[in-house]
N, C-alpha and C. Protein backbone atom coordinates (compact mmCIF):
# COMPACT_ATOMS: atom_id res chain seq x y z
N MET A 1 55.72 50.14 80.33
CA MET A 1 56.83 50.62 80.69
C MET A 1 57.92 50.53 79.54
N ASN A 2 57.82 49.28 79.02
CA ASN A 2 59.08 48.70 77.91
C ASN A 2 58.27 49.57 76.62
N LYS A 3 57.73 50.20 75.96
CA LYS A 3 57.29 51.17 75.03
C LYS A 3 57.89 52.44 75.35
N LEU A 4 58.26 52.74 76.48
CA LEU A 4 58.04 53.94 77.09
C LEU A 4 59.61 53.90 77.29
N LEU A 5 60.56 53.35 77.86
CA LEU A 5 61.61 53.04 77.57
C LEU A 5 62.26 53.01 76.03
N THR A 6 61.84 52.61 75.22
CA THR A 6 62.04 52.17 73.86
C THR A 6 62.12 53.57 73.10
N ALA A 7 60.84 54.79 73.49
CA ALA A 7 61.12 55.47 73.27
C ALA A 7 61.84 56.64 73.49
N VAL A 8 62.14 57.21 74.78
CA VAL A 8 63.13 57.76 75.13
C VAL A 8 64.09 57.21 75.01
N VAL A 9 64.67 56.31 74.66
CA VAL A 9 66.01 55.62 73.89
C VAL A 9 66.37 56.32 72.67
N ALA A 10 65.35 56.17 71.73
CA ALA A 10 64.90 56.43 70.61
C ALA A 10 64.94 58.27 69.90
N SER A 11 64.56 58.95 71.25
CA SER A 11 64.24 60.30 71.23
C SER A 11 65.62 60.59 71.48
N VAL A 12 66.58 60.19 72.49
CA VAL A 12 67.80 60.46 72.74
C VAL A 12 68.99 60.34 71.43
N PHE A 13 68.78 58.89 71.06
CA PHE A 13 69.37 58.85 69.60
C PHE A 13 69.57 60.02 68.53
N VAL A 14 68.18 60.52 68.26
CA VAL A 14 67.67 61.17 67.27
C VAL A 14 68.00 62.42 67.71
N LEU A 15 68.07 62.78 69.20
CA LEU A 15 68.36 64.32 69.87
C LEU A 15 69.81 63.95 68.98
N GLY A 16 70.62 63.10 69.67
CA GLY A 16 72.17 62.82 69.60
C GLY A 16 72.62 63.46 67.85
N SER A 17 72.39 62.78 67.37
CA SER A 17 72.68 62.88 65.53
C SER A 17 71.97 64.03 65.36
N VAL A 18 71.07 64.75 65.78
CA VAL A 18 70.30 65.21 64.48
C VAL A 18 71.69 66.74 65.02
N SER A 19 72.13 67.06 66.14
CA SER A 19 73.22 67.88 66.97
C SER A 19 74.64 67.60 66.17
N GLY A 20 75.12 66.22 65.97
CA GLY A 20 76.03 66.23 65.31
C GLY A 20 75.64 66.82 63.72
N TYR A 21 74.70 66.05 62.71
CA TYR A 21 75.02 66.88 61.80
C TYR A 21 74.39 68.40 61.66
N ALA A 22 73.90 68.95 62.42
CA ALA A 22 74.03 70.31 62.82
C ALA A 22 75.43 71.50 63.29
N ALA A 23 76.17 70.37 63.54
CA ALA A 23 77.80 70.79 63.84
C ALA A 23 78.36 70.87 62.69
N ASP A 24 78.30 70.00 62.07
CA ASP A 24 78.98 69.86 60.60
C ASP A 24 78.37 71.01 59.37
N ALA A 25 77.86 71.03 59.68
CA ALA A 25 76.91 72.53 58.24
C ALA A 25 77.54 73.55 58.77
N VAL A 26 77.92 73.91 60.33
CA VAL A 26 77.76 75.25 60.35
C VAL A 26 79.53 75.78 60.15
N LYS A 27 80.18 74.67 59.47
CA LYS A 27 81.57 75.18 59.19
C LYS A 27 81.45 76.00 58.38
N LYS A 28 82.49 76.91 58.69
CA LYS A 28 83.08 77.95 57.23
C LYS A 28 83.67 77.21 56.66
N GLU A 29 83.59 78.41 55.56
CA GLU A 29 84.40 77.79 54.13
C GLU A 29 85.98 78.51 54.02
N GLU A 30 86.34 77.40 53.06
CA GLU A 30 87.81 77.54 53.46
C GLU A 30 88.15 78.96 52.58
N LEU A 31 89.46 79.54 52.36
CA LEU A 31 89.42 79.76 51.65
C LEU A 31 90.82 79.19 50.63
N THR A 32 91.00 79.71 49.39
CA THR A 32 91.85 78.97 48.52
C THR A 32 93.09 79.63 48.59
N LYS A 33 94.17 79.48 48.60
CA LYS A 33 95.72 79.54 48.52
C LYS A 33 95.78 80.88 47.53
N ASP A 34 95.25 80.93 46.28
CA ASP A 34 94.81 82.00 45.77
C ASP A 34 93.84 83.20 46.23
N GLN A 35 92.88 83.21 46.89
CA GLN A 35 92.53 84.02 47.83
C GLN A 35 93.57 84.51 48.72
N ARG A 36 93.78 83.89 49.56
CA ARG A 36 94.32 84.36 50.66
C ARG A 36 95.80 84.98 50.39
N ALA A 37 96.59 84.27 49.10
CA ALA A 37 97.47 85.90 48.66
C ALA A 37 97.13 86.86 48.34
N ASP A 38 96.02 86.33 47.27
CA ASP A 38 94.96 88.19 46.94
C ASP A 38 95.32 88.67 48.35
N MET A 39 94.30 88.05 49.22
CA MET A 39 94.12 88.96 50.69
C MET A 39 95.04 89.92 51.09
N ARG A 40 96.27 88.98 51.31
CA ARG A 40 97.79 89.01 51.82
C ARG A 40 98.74 90.36 51.17
N ASN A 41 98.19 89.88 49.77
CA ASN A 41 98.60 91.00 49.14
C ASN A 41 97.97 92.59 48.79
N ARG A 42 96.48 92.25 49.30
CA ARG A 42 96.21 93.80 49.56
C ARG A 42 96.47 94.38 50.57
N ALA A 43 96.44 93.39 51.76
CA ALA A 43 96.66 93.96 53.23
C ALA A 43 98.70 94.56 53.20
N ASP A 44 99.16 94.06 52.86
CA ASP A 44 100.28 94.96 52.43
C ASP A 44 100.68 96.36 51.36
N LYS A 45 99.12 95.95 50.60
CA LYS A 45 99.59 97.47 49.92
C LYS A 45 99.01 98.53 50.92
N LEU A 46 98.03 97.94 51.51
CA LEU A 46 97.04 99.39 52.61
C LEU A 46 97.90 99.66 53.42
N ALA A 47 98.75 98.97 53.93
CA ALA A 47 100.12 99.40 54.88
C ALA A 47 100.56 100.46 54.29
N GLN A 48 101.30 99.58 53.19
CA GLN A 48 102.20 101.23 52.58
C GLN A 48 101.74 101.99 52.35
N GLU A 49 100.50 102.03 51.71
CA GLU A 49 99.77 103.70 51.19
C GLU A 49 99.30 104.02 52.33
N ARG A 50 99.12 103.98 53.59
CA ARG A 50 99.25 104.61 55.56
C ARG A 50 100.61 104.39 55.85
N ALA A 51 101.48 103.92 55.78
CA ALA A 51 102.95 104.58 56.13
C ALA A 51 103.43 105.46 54.86
N HIS A 52 103.19 105.96 53.60
CA HIS A 52 103.68 106.98 53.10
C HIS A 52 102.38 107.52 52.91
N ALA A 53 101.56 107.94 53.42
CA ALA A 53 100.27 108.89 53.41
C ALA A 53 100.86 110.08 54.42
N PRO A 54 100.49 111.33 54.09
CA PRO A 54 101.17 112.08 54.90
C PRO A 54 100.39 112.21 56.09
N THR A 55 100.73 113.08 57.26
CA THR A 55 99.62 112.92 58.87
C THR A 55 98.72 113.41 58.63
N GLN A 56 97.46 113.40 59.12
CA GLN A 56 95.85 113.31 59.28
C GLN A 56 96.31 114.81 60.01
N VAL A 57 95.70 115.63 59.37
CA VAL A 57 95.56 117.07 60.42
C VAL A 57 93.83 116.69 61.30
N LYS A 58 94.20 116.64 62.42
CA LYS A 58 92.92 116.45 63.53
C LYS A 58 91.43 118.04 63.02
N ALA A 59 90.58 117.21 62.58
CA ALA A 59 89.88 118.50 62.72
C ALA A 59 89.52 118.87 64.18
N GLN A 60 89.20 119.91 64.27
CA GLN A 60 89.07 120.81 65.47
C GLN A 60 87.66 121.10 65.02
N ALA A 61 86.84 120.63 66.31
CA ALA A 61 85.43 120.67 66.50
C ALA A 61 84.89 121.71 66.74
N ALA A 62 84.26 122.42 66.23
CA ALA A 62 83.67 123.67 66.53
C ALA A 62 83.30 123.75 67.77
N ALA A 63 83.32 124.96 69.15
CA ALA A 63 82.41 125.11 69.77
C ALA A 63 81.58 124.44 69.94
N THR A 64 80.71 124.32 70.98
CA THR A 64 79.10 123.45 71.18
C THR A 64 78.59 124.95 71.63
N PRO A 65 77.66 125.69 71.06
CA PRO A 65 76.97 126.61 70.66
C PRO A 65 76.18 126.52 72.53
N LYS A 66 76.32 127.81 73.36
CA LYS A 66 75.84 127.82 74.50
C LYS A 66 73.98 127.59 74.30
N ALA A 67 73.29 127.04 74.74
CA ALA A 67 72.00 127.10 74.87
C ALA A 67 71.80 128.26 75.35
N LYS A 68 70.42 128.93 74.74
CA LYS A 68 70.00 130.40 74.91
C LYS A 68 68.92 129.70 76.22
N VAL A 69 69.12 131.39 77.28
CA VAL A 69 68.08 131.38 78.31
C VAL A 69 67.38 131.78 77.85
N HIS A 70 66.01 131.10 79.14
CA HIS A 70 65.06 131.29 78.44
C HIS A 70 64.07 132.27 79.20
N LYS A 71 64.27 133.52 79.31
CA LYS A 71 63.80 134.36 80.29
C LYS A 71 61.89 134.31 79.59
N ALA A 72 61.47 134.31 80.91
CA ALA A 72 59.95 133.96 80.51
C ALA A 72 59.44 135.18 81.26
N LYS A 73 58.62 136.02 80.86
CA LYS A 73 58.09 137.25 81.48
C LYS A 73 57.14 136.53 82.24
N LYS A 74 56.86 137.83 83.45
CA LYS A 74 56.14 137.53 85.12
C LYS A 74 54.84 137.31 84.20
N ALA A 75 53.51 136.07 84.35
CA ALA A 75 52.76 136.45 83.83
C ALA A 75 51.65 136.97 85.10
N LYS A 76 50.68 137.65 83.99
CA LYS A 76 49.79 138.40 85.10
C LYS A 76 48.95 137.71 85.19
N LYS A 77 48.49 138.18 87.15
CA LYS A 77 47.62 137.09 87.93
C LYS A 77 45.93 137.64 87.43
N VAL A 78 45.66 136.41 86.67
CA VAL A 78 43.98 136.69 86.27
C VAL A 78 43.37 136.48 87.70
N THR A 79 42.18 137.35 87.49
CA THR A 79 41.32 136.67 88.52
C THR A 79 39.61 137.02 87.85
N HIS A 80 38.94 136.67 87.78
CA HIS A 80 37.84 136.26 87.53
C HIS A 80 36.73 137.14 89.02
N HIS A 81 37.05 138.33 89.91
CA HIS A 81 36.18 138.52 90.38
C HIS A 81 36.65 140.05 89.55
N ASN A 82 35.30 140.56 90.30
CA ASN A 82 35.58 142.18 90.09
C ASN A 82 35.70 143.04 91.14
N LYS A 83 37.18 143.70 90.73
CA LYS A 83 37.89 144.45 91.69
C LYS A 83 36.29 144.84 93.19
N ALA A 84 35.54 145.72 92.96
CA ALA A 84 34.71 146.21 93.44
C ALA A 84 33.88 144.95 94.28
N LYS A 85 34.25 144.57 95.49
CA LYS A 85 33.57 143.55 96.12
C LYS A 85 31.65 144.10 96.01
N ALA A 86 30.86 143.14 95.57
CA ALA A 86 29.41 143.09 95.93
C ALA A 86 28.93 143.43 97.25
N GLN A 87 28.42 144.43 97.52
CA GLN A 87 28.25 145.10 99.20
C GLN A 87 26.67 144.35 99.44
N PRO A 88 26.36 143.49 99.94
CA PRO A 88 24.89 143.37 100.29
C PRO A 88 23.92 144.40 100.92
N LYS A 89 22.98 144.72 100.42
CA LYS A 89 22.17 145.71 100.77
C LYS A 89 21.46 145.21 101.59
N THR A 90 21.08 146.32 103.08
CA THR A 90 20.08 145.64 104.21
C THR A 90 19.30 146.54 104.04
């Protein structure tokens, strides 16, 4: 019983410490001041270009063609019997 208790305590300790290391490893890389400044300048430049750009013309979508109506020909009745019925000879 004593060994079982020791094993449970050790496993809980190991799982707790592993999750702590995993949480530290997932952190995002932070941008440097130069990278942030470059991104800000690029965003400002793009915003100015959009402000000075002429208004975009909305492209009109062509009307979708209507589906063709399938007009099937009436099927001929096919029989495998002779038209003249065989009369039994008496």
